[in-house]
Amino acid sequence: MTRLPRYWTYLLLSDRGETYAGYTSDLRRRLREHNSAENRGWTRGRRWRLAAAECYFDRASAVWVEKRLKRSRSFRQSWLRRSSFRRAWLSSANAHRSPLSRPKQ
């Protein structure tokens, strides 16, 4: 069975209240990179948490949504409300935990 390609468009929230939109084919790896000490990009020096993410089967769709998220505050707000994968902190006491983290065993 062949695996279909997946691309994620995601929205991050920093500990300073800033947002960052991006797309990737590996969401866990990308979040680790944003929070890495070796990060030299715009997101360096902050702790980032996943606010929302959606999966697309083609890169063009993921890039299109990313661009809209970066350009339009109203689109970003509506996308965050309807996103298929929203952070637990939007409605629970688990604000300190990332939904990508695995439970301790």
Protein backbone atom coordinates (compact mmCIF):
# COMPACT_ATOMS: atom_id res chain seq x y z
CA MET A 1 0.00 0.00 0.00
CA THR A 2 1.46 3.35 -1.00
CA ARG A 3 1.33 6.27 1.36
CA LEU A 4 -0.23 9.44 0.05
CA PRO A 5 1.80 12.61 0.50
CA ARG A 6 0.58 14.89 3.26
CA TYR A 7 1.28 18.54 3.82
CA TRP A 8 0.33 20.39 6.96
CA THR A 9 -0.53 24.05 7.23
CA TYR A 10 -0.09 25.13 10.82
CA LEU A 11 -0.46 28.11 13.10
CA LEU A 12 1.87 28.56 16.07
CA LEU A 13 1.44 30.78 19.11
CA SER A 14 4.47 32.07 21.00
CA ASP A 15 4.80 32.63 24.73
CA ARG A 16 4.74 36.37 23.84
CA GLY A 17 1.36 36.08 22.10
CA GLU A 18 2.76 36.25 18.54
CA THR A 19 1.48 33.99 15.78
CA TYR A 20 3.36 32.26 12.99
CA ALA A 21 1.91 30.40 10.00
CA GLY A 22 3.75 27.83 7.93
CA TYR A 23 3.48 24.56 6.05
CA THR A 24 5.47 21.33 6.23
CA SER A 25 5.38 17.66 5.39
CA ASP A 26 6.48 16.70 8.93
CA LEU A 27 4.67 18.63 11.65
CA ARG A 28 6.53 17.19 14.65
CA ARG A 29 9.94 17.81 13.12
CA ARG A 30 9.02 21.37 12.14
CA LEU A 31 7.75 22.27 15.61
CA ARG A 32 10.99 20.91 17.11
CA GLU A 33 12.96 23.06 14.66
CA HIS A 34 11.04 26.21 15.60
CA ASN A 35 11.80 25.61 19.28
CA SER A 36 15.42 24.52 18.74
CA ALA A 37 18.33 26.54 20.12
CA GLU A 38 19.94 26.26 16.66
CA ASN A 39 17.00 28.01 14.99
CA ARG A 40 18.30 31.09 13.16
CA GLY A 41 15.01 32.20 11.62
CA TRP A 42 12.32 34.68 12.61
CA THR A 43 10.91 32.29 15.22
CA ARG A 44 14.15 32.02 17.25
CA GLY A 45 14.24 32.89 20.93
CA ARG A 46 10.62 32.12 21.70
CA ARG A 47 8.72 29.07 22.89
CA TRP A 48 6.17 28.06 20.25
CA ARG A 49 3.04 25.98 20.72
CA LEU A 50 0.83 24.53 18.07
CA ALA A 51 -2.47 26.44 17.89
CA ALA A 52 -4.02 24.68 14.89
CA ALA A 53 -3.16 22.53 11.90
CA GLU A 54 -4.86 21.07 8.86
CA CYS A 55 -3.70 18.35 6.52
CA TYR A 56 -3.76 18.63 2.72
CA PHE A 57 -2.92 16.04 0.09
CA ASP A 58 -1.15 18.47 -2.21
CA ARG A 59 1.52 21.08 -1.56
CA ALA A 60 -0.25 23.80 -3.58
CA SER A 61 -3.27 23.75 -1.25
CA ALA A 62 -1.11 23.91 1.87
CA VAL A 63 0.90 26.84 0.47
CA TRP A 64 -2.27 28.68 -0.59
CA VAL A 65 -3.73 28.43 2.92
CA GLU A 66 -0.40 29.48 4.48
CA LYS A 67 -0.32 32.62 2.34
CA ARG A 68 -3.90 33.48 3.28
CA LEU A 69 -3.09 32.98 6.97
CA LYS A 70 -0.15 35.38 6.69
CA ARG A 71 -2.06 38.06 4.76
CA SER A 72 -5.50 38.15 6.35
CA ARG A 73 -6.27 38.46 10.04
CA SER A 74 -9.95 37.64 9.48
CA PHE A 75 -9.05 34.51 7.51
CA ARG A 76 -6.62 33.50 10.28
CA GLN A 77 -9.31 33.91 12.94
CA SER A 78 -11.95 31.97 11.02
CA TRP A 79 -9.42 29.25 10.07
CA LEU A 80 -8.42 28.90 13.71
CA ARG A 81 -12.07 28.51 14.77
CA ARG A 82 -12.87 25.86 12.16
CA SER A 83 -9.52 24.06 12.01
CA SER A 84 -9.77 20.29 12.25
CA PHE A 85 -6.89 20.20 14.74
CA ARG A 86 -7.04 22.86 17.45
CA ARG A 87 -4.93 23.15 20.54
CA ALA A 88 -6.37 21.82 23.76
CA TRP A 89 -5.57 25.16 25.46
CA LEU A 90 -8.44 26.77 23.58
CA SER A 91 -10.89 25.02 25.89
CA SER A 92 -9.06 23.11 28.63
CA ALA A 93 -6.60 23.28 31.48
CA ASN A 94 -3.83 21.56 29.47
CA ALA A 95 -2.38 24.85 28.24
CA HIS A 96 1.19 23.82 29.04
CA ARG A 97 1.06 20.64 26.90
CA SER A 98 1.44 20.39 23.17
CA PRO A 99 -1.03 18.10 21.40
CA LEU A 100 1.98 16.64 19.58
CA SER A 101 3.66 15.52 22.76
CA ARG A 102 3.26 11.90 23.60
CA PRO A 103 1.84 10.97 26.99
CA LYS A 104 4.42 9.79 29.51
CA GLN A 105 4.34 6.05 30.01
